[in-house]
Amino acid sequence: MRVVWKFPLTAYDVDLSMPVGAKVVHVAWQEHIGLPMVWAEVSTEAATEIRHFTVVGTGHPIADGYWHVGSWLDRELVFHLYEAKAADL
């Protein structure tokens, strides 16, 4: 079954256990939780894998081997979420 799950970003560099093939569909600050969250479309029957994400502030360098997943506004600041390409792990 396909569903959307959410995953908290609890650090600037974070490994998330997600079902294989999970597709990130949204990234946003969730005020009542006080954390940025990633929403991903997943298959509940899929095995899980570890995926590495990093948060980059506007104007800060982006490491090679990462692609942009989404951005969000946290009060007056904008943050950007990047995921490591699987071949670079």
Protein backbone atom coordinates (compact mmCIF):
# COMPACT_ATOMS: atom_id res chain seq x y z
CA MET A 1 0.00 0.00 0.00
CA ARG A 2 1.23 3.52 -0.80
CA VAL A 3 0.93 6.12 1.94
CA VAL A 4 2.61 9.35 3.02
CA TRP A 5 4.73 9.16 6.17
CA LYS A 6 6.57 11.98 7.91
CA PHE A 7 10.09 11.89 9.28
CA PRO A 8 11.59 14.44 11.72
CA LEU A 9 14.84 16.22 10.98
CA THR A 10 16.40 16.13 14.45
CA ALA A 11 19.88 17.34 13.40
CA TYR A 12 21.62 19.17 10.56
CA ASP A 13 23.05 15.84 9.38
CA VAL A 14 20.67 12.95 9.82
CA ASP A 15 20.27 9.36 8.66
CA LEU A 16 16.65 8.37 8.14
CA SER A 17 15.40 4.81 7.87
CA MET A 18 12.87 4.91 5.03
CA PRO A 19 11.21 2.27 2.87
CA VAL A 20 13.19 1.59 -0.31
CA GLY A 21 11.94 3.84 -3.11
CA ALA A 22 10.46 6.46 -0.77
CA LYS A 23 9.76 9.68 -2.68
CA VAL A 24 10.10 12.94 -0.75
CA VAL A 25 7.02 15.04 -1.48
CA HIS A 26 7.31 17.92 1.01
CA VAL A 27 9.63 19.54 3.57
CA ALA A 28 8.37 22.08 6.11
CA TRP A 29 8.72 23.41 9.63
CA GLN A 30 6.04 21.89 11.86
CA GLU A 31 5.41 24.52 14.52
CA HIS A 32 3.62 22.40 17.13
CA ILE A 33 6.48 19.86 17.08
CA GLY A 34 9.23 22.47 16.81
CA LEU A 35 11.15 20.60 14.11
CA PRO A 36 11.43 20.52 10.34
CA MET A 37 9.76 17.44 8.88
CA VAL A 38 10.09 15.46 5.67
CA TRP A 39 6.97 13.91 4.15
CA ALA A 40 7.57 11.00 1.79
CA GLU A 41 5.36 8.75 -0.26
CA VAL A 42 6.28 5.19 0.71
CA SER A 43 5.28 1.62 0.07
CA THR A 44 4.40 -0.04 3.37
CA GLU A 45 5.51 -3.41 1.94
CA ALA A 46 9.03 -2.26 1.02
CA ALA A 47 12.15 -3.12 2.98
CA THR A 48 13.89 -0.18 4.65
CA GLU A 49 17.15 1.54 3.83
CA ILE A 50 19.18 4.29 5.45
CA ARG A 51 19.25 7.61 3.58
CA HIS A 52 21.51 10.50 4.57
CA PHE A 53 20.25 14.09 4.57
CA THR A 54 21.93 17.37 5.43
CA VAL A 55 20.50 20.82 6.11
CA VAL A 56 22.19 23.84 4.53
CA GLY A 57 21.47 27.45 5.37
CA THR A 58 21.13 30.02 2.61
CA GLY A 59 24.58 31.25 1.60
CA HIS A 60 26.39 28.24 3.09
CA PRO A 61 28.44 25.80 0.97
CA ILE A 62 26.84 22.63 -0.40
CA ALA A 63 28.96 19.48 -0.34
CA ASP A 64 29.55 17.65 -3.60
CA GLY A 65 27.47 14.52 -4.03
CA TYR A 66 24.20 15.94 -2.67
CA TRP A 67 21.01 16.94 -4.47
CA HIS A 68 18.31 19.37 -3.39
CA VAL A 69 15.20 17.78 -1.87
CA GLY A 70 13.28 20.81 -0.58
CA SER A 71 13.41 24.07 1.36
CA TRP A 72 11.44 25.54 4.25
CA LEU A 73 10.99 28.79 6.11
CA ASP A 74 11.80 28.84 9.83
CA ARG A 75 10.66 32.23 11.05
CA GLU A 76 12.84 34.67 9.04
CA LEU A 77 15.41 32.08 7.84
CA VAL A 78 15.22 29.69 4.89
CA PHE A 79 16.86 26.26 5.13
CA HIS A 80 17.51 23.77 2.35
CA LEU A 81 17.48 19.98 2.60
CA TYR A 82 19.94 17.96 0.53
CA GLU A 83 20.24 14.19 0.20
CA ALA A 84 23.46 12.29 -0.43
CA LYS A 85 23.46 10.43 -3.72
CA ALA A 86 23.51 6.68 -3.04
CA ALA A 87 26.75 6.17 -4.98
CA ASP A 88 28.49 8.71 -2.69
CA LEU A 89 27.65 6.94 0.58
